[in-house]
Every structure is written in structure tokens, then in C-alpha cells.
Amino acid sequence: MAKRSKAQTEQTIKQILDEALKQILSIGYESMSYTTLSEATGVSRTGISHHFPRKAEFLVRLDDDIASIFMNELDFSSVTNLEASWSRAIKQERFCAALRLFFSLCGYSSKEITMFKAIDKARETAASELGFEGERLFNALVGRSAVSLLSQGDAIEAQAA
């Protein structure tokens, strides 16, 4: 078997990470698997596990990308703008997916997974740009969103039953 070039290897890793991001945001971290990634990319499960021996490594490698998806929707120029931008963002699936991911990871004991940056980075930005009032609003928005997303999940499960 011919040895793959560094460029081919990097392209394969990018393909796997792109698909992992897509699946994490669409079906969720728990539902994403080496099998679902293999089926979508055409890369064998063994090939995927060669580059990513532990599932948590996907989150570590995609942490900045997920944080960007989340942060790019928010306007930290004023408390009013933060609240308005959150109200717009919460209607967007990728933003909600990043929030659901954060909530689903709460309580994980893996050090790698607890490094999820999106929420912490946004909270720090709210505090540094808007002071205590901004941080307090941010925490309230996260809390309200948790309740809202949980309620939506319960409604979807009830419809499926």
C-alpha cells in the first residue's frame, strides 16, 4: 500500500472534522459516532480512530470553531444590543445547537470536554465589555435558554410518543 502524502492526510483530517462539526451540531455529540462519520465521509472507522483515538478529541479540535459560531452571533457593544442579538441568535439552529452541546456536556468528568470555550468566552466578553450588568444579563440569557431548549426537547419527545 502506498504511503499517503502529508497533504492527503491533512485533507482527510479536515474532511473528518468538517463532518464531525456538522454531526455534532445536527444530531448531537452523543449520537455522532465513528460509524456515522465513516458512513458520511467514506473513511473507515479504523482510519478515523487512527487520527482521533478518543471521541472527546473531536470536541477539543472543534472547540474554537464552535465558539466562533456562538460568538459571531452576539453583539457586545451594549447590554441592549447583547440582549437583542441573543434574541435573534436563539432563532438560528447553529446557535441553539452550540447551546445544546454546552448543556449536554455539563457534568462530564473529562478534562478535555470541560474545556468547551463558547459559553465561558462569551461570559468573559460580556463581563469585560459591559461590566457586571453585562455578565449578569449573559447568565440570565443562558439560564432562560436552557429552560427554553429543555422545553422544546420535551415537546418534541411528546410529539414522537
C-alpha atoms as a PDB file:
ATOM      1  CA  MET A   1       0.000   0.000   0.000  1.00  0.00           C
ATOM      2  CA  ALA A   2       1.395   3.392  -0.993  1.00  0.00           C
ATOM      3  CA  LYS A   3       2.117   5.880   1.767  1.00  0.00           C
ATOM      4  CA  ARG A   4      -0.216   8.865   1.821  1.00  0.00           C
ATOM      5  CA  SER A   5       1.237  12.325   1.451  1.00  0.00           C
ATOM      6  CA  LYS A   6       1.053  14.844   4.265  1.00  0.00           C
ATOM      7  CA  ALA A   7      -1.395  16.904   2.172  1.00  0.00           C
ATOM      8  CA  GLN A   8      -3.668  13.881   1.685  1.00  0.00           C
ATOM      9  CA  THR A   9      -3.577  13.141   5.406  1.00  0.00           C
ATOM     10  CA  GLU A  10      -4.399  16.761   6.262  1.00  0.00           C
ATOM     11  CA  GLN A  11      -7.270  16.731   3.745  1.00  0.00           C
ATOM     12  CA  THR A  12      -8.659  13.540   5.314  1.00  0.00           C
ATOM     13  CA  ILE A  13      -8.438  15.042   8.813  1.00  0.00           C
ATOM     14  CA  LYS A  14     -10.191  18.208   7.583  1.00  0.00           C
ATOM     15  CA  GLN A  15     -12.916  16.118   5.939  1.00  0.00           C
ATOM     16  CA  ILE A  16     -13.455  14.155   9.167  1.00  0.00           C
ATOM     17  CA  LEU A  17     -13.519  17.327  11.307  1.00  0.00           C
ATOM     18  CA  ASP A  18     -15.925  19.099   8.940  1.00  0.00           C
ATOM     19  CA  GLU A  19     -18.299  16.162   9.121  1.00  0.00           C
ATOM     20  CA  ALA A  20     -17.870  15.848  12.890  1.00  0.00           C
ATOM     21  CA  LEU A  21     -18.812  19.521  13.311  1.00  0.00           C
ATOM     22  CA  LYS A  22     -21.834  19.052  11.079  1.00  0.00           C
ATOM     23  CA  GLN A  23     -22.979  15.989  13.027  1.00  0.00           C
ATOM     24  CA  ILE A  24     -22.295  17.465  16.461  1.00  0.00           C
ATOM     25  CA  LEU A  25     -24.473  20.449  15.575  1.00  0.00           C
ATOM     26  CA  SER A  26     -27.197  18.451  13.817  1.00  0.00           C
ATOM     27  CA  ILE A  27     -27.563  15.113  15.621  1.00  0.00           C
ATOM     28  CA  GLY A  28     -25.560  15.923  18.755  1.00  0.00           C
ATOM     29  CA  TYR A  29     -22.302  14.776  20.267  1.00  0.00           C
ATOM     30  CA  GLU A  30     -23.806  11.672  21.843  1.00  0.00           C
ATOM     31  CA  SER A  31     -25.313  10.478  18.539  1.00  0.00           C
ATOM     32  CA  MET A  32     -22.205  11.154  16.473  1.00  0.00           C
ATOM     33  CA  SER A  33     -20.050   8.056  16.252  1.00  0.00           C
ATOM     34  CA  TYR A  34     -17.154   6.626  14.321  1.00  0.00           C
ATOM     35  CA  THR A  35     -19.749   4.715  12.308  1.00  0.00           C
ATOM     36  CA  THR A  36     -21.811   7.789  11.393  1.00  0.00           C
ATOM     37  CA  LEU A  37     -18.622   9.654  10.484  1.00  0.00           C
ATOM     38  CA  SER A  38     -17.362   6.736   8.405  1.00  0.00           C
ATOM     39  CA  GLU A  39     -20.646   6.435   6.521  1.00  0.00           C
ATOM     40  CA  ALA A  40     -20.682  10.167   5.740  1.00  0.00           C
ATOM     41  CA  THR A  41     -17.020  10.562   4.792  1.00  0.00           C
ATOM     42  CA  GLY A  42     -16.131   7.211   3.271  1.00  0.00           C
ATOM     43  CA  VAL A  43     -13.158   6.996   5.656  1.00  0.00           C
ATOM     44  CA  SER A  44     -13.041   3.703   7.534  1.00  0.00           C
ATOM     45  CA  ARG A  45     -13.773   3.666  11.257  1.00  0.00           C
ATOM     46  CA  THR A  46     -10.207   2.450  11.774  1.00  0.00           C
ATOM     47  CA  GLY A  47      -8.910   5.369   9.713  1.00  0.00           C
ATOM     48  CA  ILE A  48     -10.944   7.828  11.757  1.00  0.00           C
ATOM     49  CA  SER A  49      -9.820   6.299  15.051  1.00  0.00           C
ATOM     50  CA  HIS A  50      -6.204   6.471  13.844  1.00  0.00           C
ATOM     51  CA  HIS A  51      -6.489  10.278  13.717  1.00  0.00           C
ATOM     52  CA  PHE A  52      -8.932  10.613  16.644  1.00  0.00           C
ATOM     53  CA  PRO A  53      -8.375   7.750  19.109  1.00  0.00           C
ATOM     54  CA  ARG A  54     -10.911   9.170  21.605  1.00  0.00           C
ATOM     55  CA  LYS A  55     -14.243  10.718  20.751  1.00  0.00           C
ATOM     56  CA  ALA A  56     -13.561  13.666  23.077  1.00  0.00           C
ATOM     57  CA  GLU A  57     -10.757  14.737  20.733  1.00  0.00           C
ATOM     58  CA  PHE A  58     -13.354  15.951  18.241  1.00  0.00           C
ATOM     59  CA  LEU A  59     -14.622  18.468  20.786  1.00  0.00           C
ATOM     60  CA  VAL A  60     -11.100  19.553  21.665  1.00  0.00           C
ATOM     61  CA  ARG A  61     -10.228  20.134  17.997  1.00  0.00           C
ATOM     62  CA  LEU A  62     -13.577  21.808  17.174  1.00  0.00           C
ATOM     63  CA  ASP A  63     -13.826  23.933  20.323  1.00  0.00           C
ATOM     64  CA  ASP A  64     -12.677  27.159  18.644  1.00  0.00           C
ATOM     65  CA  ASP A  65     -14.969  26.599  15.643  1.00  0.00           C
ATOM     66  CA  ILE A  66     -17.996  26.048  17.877  1.00  0.00           C
ATOM     67  CA  ALA A  67     -17.079  29.081  19.979  1.00  0.00           C
ATOM     68  CA  SER A  68     -16.877  31.182  16.807  1.00  0.00           C
ATOM     69  CA  ILE A  69     -20.295  30.012  15.629  1.00  0.00           C
ATOM     70  CA  PHE A  70     -21.670  31.071  19.001  1.00  0.00           C
ATOM     71  CA  MET A  71     -19.734  34.327  19.475  1.00  0.00           C
ATOM     72  CA  ASN A  72     -20.240  35.628  15.927  1.00  0.00           C
ATOM     73  CA  GLU A  73     -23.960  35.979  16.566  1.00  0.00           C
ATOM     74  CA  LEU A  74     -23.608  38.192  19.632  1.00  0.00           C
ATOM     75  CA  ASP A  75     -23.169  41.967  19.840  1.00  0.00           C
ATOM     76  CA  PHE A  76     -21.340  43.064  22.984  1.00  0.00           C
ATOM     77  CA  SER A  77     -21.446  46.805  22.247  1.00  0.00           C
ATOM     78  CA  SER A  78     -24.160  47.431  24.856  1.00  0.00           C
ATOM     79  CA  VAL A  79     -26.419  45.494  27.207  1.00  0.00           C
ATOM     80  CA  THR A  80     -29.387  46.305  24.961  1.00  0.00           C
ATOM     81  CA  ASN A  81     -27.533  45.073  21.875  1.00  0.00           C
ATOM     82  CA  LEU A  82     -26.428  41.901  23.631  1.00  0.00           C
ATOM     83  CA  GLU A  83     -29.985  41.061  24.562  1.00  0.00           C
ATOM     84  CA  ALA A  84     -31.292  41.899  21.068  1.00  0.00           C
ATOM     85  CA  SER A  85     -28.560  39.877  19.347  1.00  0.00           C
ATOM     86  CA  TRP A  86     -29.257  36.917  21.643  1.00  0.00           C
ATOM     87  CA  SER A  87     -32.961  37.136  20.763  1.00  0.00           C
ATOM     88  CA  ARG A  88     -32.061  36.936  17.055  1.00  0.00           C
ATOM     89  CA  ALA A  89     -29.431  34.254  17.536  1.00  0.00           C
ATOM     90  CA  ILE A  90     -31.639  31.920  19.568  1.00  0.00           C
ATOM     91  CA  LYS A  91     -33.799  31.538  16.454  1.00  0.00           C
ATOM     92  CA  GLN A  92     -30.835  30.153  14.488  1.00  0.00           C
ATOM     93  CA  GLU A  93     -30.254  26.416  14.552  1.00  0.00           C
ATOM     94  CA  ARG A  94     -26.433  26.506  14.744  1.00  0.00           C
ATOM     95  CA  PHE A  95     -26.507  28.879  17.720  1.00  0.00           C
ATOM     96  CA  CYS A  96     -29.045  26.680  19.504  1.00  0.00           C
ATOM     97  CA  ALA A  97     -27.004  23.609  18.619  1.00  0.00           C
ATOM     98  CA  ALA A  98     -23.932  25.153  20.279  1.00  0.00           C
ATOM     99  CA  LEU A  99     -26.032  25.898  23.376  1.00  0.00           C
ATOM    100  CA  ARG A 100     -27.492  22.365  23.425  1.00  0.00           C
ATOM    101  CA  LEU A 101     -23.971  20.988  23.151  1.00  0.00           C
ATOM    102  CA  PHE A 102     -22.853  23.078  26.112  1.00  0.00           C
ATOM    103  CA  PHE A 103     -25.817  21.958  28.207  1.00  0.00           C
ATOM    104  CA  SER A 104     -25.332  18.314  27.227  1.00  0.00           C
ATOM    105  CA  LEU A 105     -21.685  18.467  28.323  1.00  0.00           C
ATOM    106  CA  CYS A 106     -22.426  19.900  31.762  1.00  0.00           C
ATOM    107  CA  GLY A 107     -21.390  17.322  34.303  1.00  0.00           C
ATOM    108  CA  TYR A 108     -18.923  15.433  32.095  1.00  0.00           C
ATOM    109  CA  SER A 109     -15.894  14.432  34.107  1.00  0.00           C
ATOM    110  CA  SER A 110     -13.415  14.516  31.200  1.00  0.00           C
ATOM    111  CA  LYS A 111     -10.960  17.405  31.492  1.00  0.00           C
ATOM    112  CA  GLU A 112     -10.857  17.692  27.710  1.00  0.00           C
ATOM    113  CA  ILE A 113     -14.605  18.133  27.388  1.00  0.00           C
ATOM    114  CA  THR A 114     -14.846  20.692  30.154  1.00  0.00           C
ATOM    115  CA  MET A 115     -12.596  22.938  28.054  1.00  0.00           C
ATOM    116  CA  PHE A 116     -15.611  23.890  25.877  1.00  0.00           C
ATOM    117  CA  LYS A 117     -14.962  27.604  25.309  1.00  0.00           C
ATOM    118  CA  ALA A 118     -18.052  29.140  23.736  1.00  0.00           C
ATOM    119  CA  ILE A 119     -20.018  29.956  26.874  1.00  0.00           C
ATOM    120  CA  ASP A 120     -17.010  30.921  29.005  1.00  0.00           C
ATOM    121  CA  LYS A 121     -15.582  33.098  26.250  1.00  0.00           C
ATOM    122  CA  ALA A 122     -18.912  34.879  25.747  1.00  0.00           C
ATOM    123  CA  ARG A 123     -19.385  35.356  29.503  1.00  0.00           C
ATOM    124  CA  GLU A 124     -15.883  36.811  29.810  1.00  0.00           C
ATOM    125  CA  THR A 125     -16.545  39.132  26.866  1.00  0.00           C
ATOM    126  CA  ALA A 126     -19.820  40.305  28.401  1.00  0.00           C
ATOM    127  CA  ALA A 127     -18.045  40.999  31.689  1.00  0.00           C
ATOM    128  CA  SER A 128     -15.072  42.804  30.148  1.00  0.00           C
ATOM    129  CA  GLU A 129     -17.104  44.849  27.651  1.00  0.00           C
ATOM    130  CA  LEU A 130     -20.220  45.533  29.707  1.00  0.00           C
ATOM    131  CA  GLY A 131     -19.204  45.016  33.323  1.00  0.00           C
ATOM    132  CA  PHE A 132     -21.241  43.309  35.994  1.00  0.00           C
ATOM    133  CA  GLU A 133     -24.553  44.193  34.314  1.00  0.00           C
ATOM    134  CA  GLY A 134     -23.431  42.531  31.077  1.00  0.00           C
ATOM    135  CA  GLU A 135     -22.253  39.406  32.843  1.00  0.00           C
ATOM    136  CA  ARG A 136     -25.474  39.223  34.846  1.00  0.00           C
ATOM    137  CA  LEU A 137     -27.566  39.593  31.674  1.00  0.00           C
ATOM    138  CA  PHE A 138     -25.479  36.954  29.930  1.00  0.00           C
ATOM    139  CA  ASN A 139     -26.018  34.484  32.776  1.00  0.00           C
ATOM    140  CA  ALA A 140     -29.752  35.195  32.714  1.00  0.00           C
ATOM    141  CA  LEU A 141     -29.887  34.644  28.946  1.00  0.00           C
ATOM    142  CA  VAL A 142     -28.082  31.321  29.274  1.00  0.00           C
ATOM    143  CA  GLY A 143     -30.482  30.261  32.026  1.00  0.00           C
ATOM    144  CA  ARG A 144     -33.578  31.271  30.067  1.00  0.00           C
ATOM    145  CA  SER A 145     -32.228  29.494  27.011  1.00  0.00           C
ATOM    146  CA  ALA A 146     -31.638  26.307  28.990  1.00  0.00           C
ATOM    147  CA  VAL A 147     -35.249  26.301  30.126  1.00  0.00           C
ATOM    148  CA  SER A 148     -36.495  27.112  26.623  1.00  0.00           C
ATOM    149  CA  LEU A 149     -34.385  24.465  24.890  1.00  0.00           C
ATOM    150  CA  LEU A 150     -35.328  21.885  27.508  1.00  0.00           C
ATOM    151  CA  SER A 151     -38.995  22.691  26.979  1.00  0.00           C
ATOM    152  CA  GLN A 152     -38.590  22.352  23.212  1.00  0.00           C
ATOM    153  CA  GLY A 153     -36.906  18.977  23.683  1.00  0.00           C
ATOM    154  CA  ASP A 154     -39.745  17.781  25.921  1.00  0.00           C
ATOM    155  CA  ALA A 155     -42.311  18.926  23.336  1.00  0.00           C
ATOM    156  CA  ILE A 156     -40.510  17.079  20.547  1.00  0.00           C
ATOM    157  CA  GLU A 157     -40.298  13.898  22.639  1.00  0.00           C
ATOM    158  CA  ALA A 158     -44.016  14.166  23.470  1.00  0.00           C
ATOM    159  CA  GLN A 159     -44.901  14.514  19.782  1.00  0.00           C
ATOM    160  CA  ALA A 160     -42.800  11.461  18.939  1.00  0.00           C
ATOM    161  CA  ALA A 161     -44.529   9.333  21.586  1.00  0.00           C
END
